[in-house]
């Protein structure tokens, strides 16, 4: 699969060199997040939903995409369905279906997506899944460790962390960013896990795998509280220590490189 980021949007494109399919990927919509603010007396409206719809629909058609992947955390509340979610998530999909065929929309569940089946239109209610494999690329939300044999995995695309630059002496402090890492998978014992048992995660380039962490598509969402690799099972099992990170790049939404593997502590703690 070929990958390219859609600057300056928190979106990426996946396409196969010999296939007509072109996938637009977005993560972490968190529809309904405004409820927690409104409960504290901070009044927010739901105009951000139309903003997200406009961006998705416009980019989808402008770049001639065939499929849309929603990479988890479509809704915001955990373990329940909030009132605004009952109203806004069906609206979101109703509007989306006017422009994108429901059979071309792939829903990956995130840790906030419990009970989301109750909110999805019948067309895609039973189509949601925990991961999506496109040739040599795994797409999943990031809060769980996928258990599946992947003999030729080259790349992982995930969300969940809402990467944001936390560096107070930078004018970009608090800005959404991309994190792209090349990670070496070795056969050492690591954090209690035997990496030999994860040989199916090795890629065909000297056991190097690419990990792309997407920014939140919802521009109002901040980083998750626990930003450590302990919070992400994939990191815990593949990134044993700093030496396993071959290279990293931290990019702004505009595509400027603002950091490397030495800057990860500003993005993901425990490095």
Protein backbone atom coordinates (compact mmCIF):
# COMPACT_ATOMS: atom_id res chain seq x y z
CA UNK A 1 0.00 0.00 0.00
CA UNK A 2 1.11 3.55 -0.71
CA UNK A 3 0.47 6.11 2.02
CA UNK A 4 0.26 9.88 1.87
CA UNK A 5 -0.89 12.47 4.37
CA UNK A 6 -3.49 14.98 3.22
CA UNK A 7 -1.87 18.21 4.41
CA UNK A 8 -3.05 20.36 6.17
CA UNK A 9 -5.82 18.01 7.28
CA UNK A 10 -5.51 15.22 9.89
CA UNK A 11 -6.27 12.69 7.16
CA UNK A 12 -4.32 10.17 5.18
CA UNK A 13 -4.79 8.26 1.95
CA UNK A 14 -4.05 4.57 1.44
CA UNK A 15 -3.99 3.18 -2.06
CA UNK A 16 -2.62 0.11 -3.76
CA UNK A 17 -0.34 0.56 -6.73
CA UNK A 18 -2.33 -1.96 -8.79
CA UNK A 19 -5.78 -1.39 -7.37
CA UNK A 20 -8.45 1.16 -8.10
CA UNK A 21 -9.27 1.48 -4.39
CA UNK A 22 -8.30 4.66 -2.57
CA UNK A 23 -9.07 4.85 1.17
CA UNK A 24 -9.48 8.11 3.07
CA UNK A 25 -8.73 7.57 6.79
CA UNK A 26 -9.77 9.80 9.72
CA UNK A 27 -9.67 9.07 13.44
CA UNK A 28 -11.20 10.26 16.72
CA UNK A 29 -14.30 12.26 15.80
CA UNK A 30 -15.60 12.17 19.41
CA UNK A 31 -19.08 13.33 18.45
CA UNK A 32 -20.88 14.42 21.60
CA UNK A 33 -17.78 15.68 23.44
CA UNK A 34 -19.49 19.02 24.06
CA UNK A 35 -21.83 17.47 26.64
CA UNK A 36 -19.12 17.29 29.28
CA UNK A 37 -18.32 20.97 28.75
CA UNK A 38 -21.95 22.05 28.78
CA UNK A 39 -22.42 20.19 32.08
CA UNK A 40 -19.71 22.44 33.56
CA UNK A 41 -21.38 25.58 32.29
CA UNK A 42 -19.11 25.97 29.25
CA UNK A 43 -21.52 26.33 26.36
CA UNK A 44 -20.48 24.73 23.08
CA UNK A 45 -22.66 24.11 20.05
CA UNK A 46 -22.45 21.26 17.58
CA UNK A 47 -21.27 23.27 14.57
CA UNK A 48 -18.03 21.25 14.62
CA UNK A 49 -20.00 18.26 13.29
CA UNK A 50 -20.86 20.11 10.09
CA UNK A 51 -17.23 21.26 9.83
CA UNK A 52 -16.04 17.65 9.99
CA UNK A 53 -18.68 16.52 7.50
CA UNK A 54 -17.71 19.25 5.04
CA UNK A 55 -14.00 18.39 5.24
CA UNK A 56 -14.57 14.65 4.85
CA UNK A 57 -16.99 14.98 1.95
CA UNK A 58 -14.96 17.62 0.11
CA UNK A 59 -11.62 15.79 0.42
CA UNK A 60 -13.21 12.42 -0.35
CA UNK A 61 -14.50 13.63 -3.71
CA UNK A 62 -11.67 16.04 -4.56
CA UNK A 63 -9.08 13.28 -4.19
CA UNK A 64 -11.34 10.74 -5.92
CA UNK A 65 -11.46 8.34 -2.98
CA UNK A 66 -13.48 5.15 -3.16
CA UNK A 67 -13.73 4.27 0.54
CA UNK A 68 -13.80 6.01 3.91
CA UNK A 69 -12.29 4.51 7.09
CA UNK A 70 -13.39 5.90 10.47
CA UNK A 71 -10.60 4.76 12.77
CA UNK A 72 -12.39 4.63 16.09
CA UNK A 73 -13.89 6.87 18.78
CA UNK A 74 -16.74 8.09 16.64
CA UNK A 75 -18.70 8.80 19.82
CA UNK A 76 -17.31 10.42 22.95
CA UNK A 77 -18.88 8.88 26.04
CA UNK A 78 -17.55 5.59 27.41
CA UNK A 79 -19.93 2.81 28.46
CA UNK A 80 -23.09 4.75 27.70
CA UNK A 81 -24.82 6.77 25.01
CA UNK A 82 -25.26 10.46 25.76
CA UNK A 83 -28.24 12.54 24.72
CA UNK A 84 -26.29 14.56 22.17
CA UNK A 85 -24.91 11.31 20.70
CA UNK A 86 -28.44 9.96 20.23
CA UNK A 87 -29.18 13.06 18.17
CA UNK A 88 -25.92 13.86 16.40
CA UNK A 89 -24.41 10.53 15.37
CA UNK A 90 -27.47 9.42 13.32
CA UNK A 91 -27.48 12.92 11.79
CA UNK A 92 -23.77 12.62 10.94
CA UNK A 93 -24.26 9.34 9.08
CA UNK A 94 -27.47 10.44 7.38
CA UNK A 95 -25.61 13.43 5.91
CA UNK A 96 -22.57 11.31 5.09
CA UNK A 97 -24.69 8.78 3.16
CA UNK A 98 -25.93 11.55 0.89
CA UNK A 99 -22.41 11.82 -0.52
CA UNK A 100 -20.68 8.48 0.17
CA UNK A 101 -22.20 5.05 -0.36
CA UNK A 102 -22.70 3.25 2.94
CA UNK A 103 -21.07 0.09 1.56
CA UNK A 104 -17.83 2.08 1.14
CA UNK A 105 -17.66 3.23 4.77
CA UNK A 106 -15.55 1.13 7.16
CA UNK A 107 -16.00 1.61 10.90
CA UNK A 108 -13.25 0.56 13.30
CA UNK A 109 -14.33 0.49 16.94
CA UNK A 110 -12.49 2.58 19.51
CA UNK A 111 -12.58 2.46 23.29
CA UNK A 112 -15.33 5.12 23.29
CA UNK A 113 -17.55 3.24 20.83
CA UNK A 114 -19.44 0.93 23.19
CA UNK A 115 -23.12 0.69 22.24
CA UNK A 116 -22.47 2.52 19.00
CA UNK A 117 -24.54 -0.09 17.12
CA UNK A 118 -27.62 1.54 18.60
CA UNK A 119 -26.72 4.77 16.80
CA UNK A 120 -25.64 3.47 13.41
CA UNK A 121 -27.95 3.22 10.43
CA UNK A 122 -29.02 -0.31 9.48
CA UNK A 123 -26.78 -0.22 6.40
CA UNK A 124 -23.58 -0.36 8.44
CA UNK A 125 -24.79 -1.40 11.90
CA UNK A 126 -23.20 -4.82 11.70
CA UNK A 127 -20.23 -3.83 9.59
CA UNK A 128 -18.16 -2.28 12.39
CA UNK A 129 -15.02 -4.20 13.39
CA UNK A 130 -11.94 -3.98 15.58
CA UNK A 131 -9.42 -3.74 12.76
CA UNK A 132 -9.03 -3.53 9.01
CA UNK A 133 -6.21 -5.12 7.03
CA UNK A 134 -5.38 -3.64 3.64
CA UNK A 135 -2.63 -5.69 2.03
CA UNK A 136 0.50 -4.99 4.16
CA UNK A 137 -1.18 -2.38 6.37
CA UNK A 138 -3.10 -2.84 9.63
CA UNK A 139 -5.58 -0.15 10.67
CA UNK A 140 -6.91 -0.24 14.22
CA UNK A 141 -7.79 2.28 16.90
CA UNK A 142 -4.89 1.56 19.25
CA UNK A 143 -6.43 0.78 22.64
CA UNK A 144 -6.18 -3.00 22.26
CA UNK A 145 -3.61 -5.44 20.90
CA UNK A 146 -4.94 -7.10 17.74
CA UNK A 147 -4.57 -10.87 17.77
CA UNK A 148 -4.21 -12.00 14.19
CA UNK A 149 -1.46 -13.52 12.10
CA UNK A 150 0.02 -10.95 9.74
CA UNK A 151 2.84 -12.56 7.81
CA UNK A 152 3.75 -9.51 5.76
CA UNK A 153 2.85 -6.58 7.93
CA UNK A 154 4.74 -3.47 6.96
CA UNK A 155 2.76 -0.71 8.58
CA UNK A 156 0.33 0.08 11.38
CA UNK A 157 -2.01 3.08 11.29
CA UNK A 158 -3.69 4.00 14.57
CA UNK A 159 -5.38 6.82 16.45
CA UNK A 160 -6.31 6.84 20.15
CA UNK A 161 -3.44 8.96 21.50
CA UNK A 162 -4.57 12.32 20.03
CA UNK A 163 -0.93 13.38 19.63
CA UNK A 164 -0.41 17.01 20.59
CA UNK A 165 2.86 18.82 21.07
CA UNK A 166 3.34 19.60 24.76
CA UNK A 167 6.31 21.92 24.85
CA UNK A 168 5.56 25.18 26.57
CA UNK A 169 8.49 27.05 25.08
CA UNK A 170 7.18 26.37 21.57
CA UNK A 171 4.65 28.48 19.67
CA UNK A 172 3.16 25.13 18.59
CA UNK A 173 2.39 24.07 22.15
CA UNK A 174 -1.02 22.37 22.15
CA UNK A 175 -1.13 21.88 18.37
CA UNK A 176 -2.22 18.57 16.83
CA UNK A 177 0.64 16.65 15.25
CA UNK A 178 1.52 13.47 13.37
CA UNK A 179 3.86 10.89 14.88
CA UNK A 180 5.58 8.52 12.47
CA UNK A 181 7.99 5.89 13.76
CA UNK A 182 10.13 3.12 12.32
CA UNK A 183 10.38 0.44 14.99
CA UNK A 184 12.61 -2.62 15.10
CA UNK A 185 10.93 -5.82 16.25
CA UNK A 186 13.52 -8.04 17.94
CA UNK A 187 13.48 -11.37 19.75
CA UNK A 188 14.34 -10.12 23.23
CA UNK A 189 12.24 -10.53 26.30
CA UNK A 190 10.49 -7.21 26.80
CA UNK A 191 8.24 -6.07 29.62
CA UNK A 192 7.23 -9.65 30.31
CA UNK A 193 6.32 -10.43 26.71
CA UNK A 194 8.19 -12.86 24.51
CA UNK A 195 8.66 -11.14 21.17
CA UNK A 196 9.27 -14.56 19.59
CA UNK A 197 5.53 -15.06 19.93
CA UNK A 198 5.00 -11.92 17.84
CA UNK A 199 7.03 -13.04 14.84
CA UNK A 200 3.94 -12.52 12.69
CA UNK A 201 4.34 -8.78 13.30
CA UNK A 202 7.75 -8.63 11.66
CA UNK A 203 7.96 -6.87 8.33
CA UNK A 204 10.06 -7.80 5.34
CA UNK A 205 12.56 -4.97 5.83
CA UNK A 206 14.94 -6.29 8.50
CA UNK A 207 12.11 -6.58 11.03
CA UNK A 208 11.27 -2.89 10.74
CA UNK A 209 7.64 -1.83 11.04
CA UNK A 210 6.18 1.64 10.45
CA UNK A 211 3.77 3.03 13.03
CA UNK A 212 1.70 6.07 12.08
CA UNK A 213 -0.23 7.76 14.90
CA UNK A 214 -2.95 10.00 13.50
CA UNK A 215 -4.03 13.31 15.04
CA UNK A 216 -7.59 13.63 16.27
CA UNK A 217 -9.90 14.73 13.47
CA UNK A 218 -11.92 16.70 16.01
CA UNK A 219 -9.83 19.83 16.50
CA UNK A 220 -11.25 20.43 19.98
CA UNK A 221 -10.02 17.14 21.44
CA UNK A 222 -6.87 17.26 23.56
CA UNK A 223 -4.43 14.47 24.32
CA UNK A 224 -5.52 11.52 26.43
CA UNK A 225 -4.48 11.77 30.06
CA UNK A 226 -2.18 8.74 30.02
CA UNK A 227 0.08 9.31 27.03
CA UNK A 228 2.56 6.61 27.98
CA UNK A 229 3.39 3.52 25.97
CA UNK A 230 1.86 1.55 28.85
CA UNK A 231 -1.51 2.90 27.70
CA UNK A 232 -1.03 1.46 24.21
CA UNK A 233 -0.53 -2.34 24.11
CA UNK A 234 1.09 -2.16 20.67
CA UNK A 235 3.81 0.12 22.02
CA UNK A 236 4.24 -1.97 25.13
CA UNK A 237 4.85 -5.12 23.10
CA UNK A 238 6.80 -3.81 20.14
CA UNK A 239 8.64 -0.79 21.47
CA UNK A 240 10.62 -2.47 24.24
CA UNK A 241 12.98 0.43 24.74
CA UNK A 242 14.27 3.51 22.98
CA UNK A 243 16.84 1.46 21.07
CA UNK A 244 14.03 -0.23 19.15
CA UNK A 245 12.96 3.09 17.66
CA UNK A 246 15.05 3.32 14.53
CA UNK A 247 13.75 6.69 13.46
CA UNK A 248 10.83 8.98 14.20
CA UNK A 249 9.37 12.15 12.77
CA UNK A 250 6.96 14.57 14.39
CA UNK A 251 5.07 16.66 11.85
CA UNK A 252 2.67 19.55 12.04
CA UNK A 253 -0.63 19.40 10.16
CA UNK A 254 1.06 21.49 7.47
CA UNK A 255 3.79 18.90 7.05
CA UNK A 256 6.68 20.69 8.74
CA UNK A 257 9.06 18.39 10.61
CA UNK A 258 9.41 19.71 14.14
CA UNK A 259 10.99 16.75 15.93
CA UNK A 260 12.51 13.30 15.71
CA UNK A 261 12.98 10.27 17.98
CA UNK A 262 14.62 12.53 20.56
CA UNK A 263 11.43 14.57 20.85
CA UNK A 264 9.01 11.75 21.60
CA UNK A 265 8.93 12.62 25.30
CA UNK A 266 6.98 15.75 24.33
CA UNK A 267 4.36 13.60 22.66
CA UNK A 268 4.27 10.18 24.31
CA UNK A 269 5.62 9.89 27.84
CA UNK A 270 7.82 7.09 29.17
CA UNK A 271 10.46 7.63 26.52
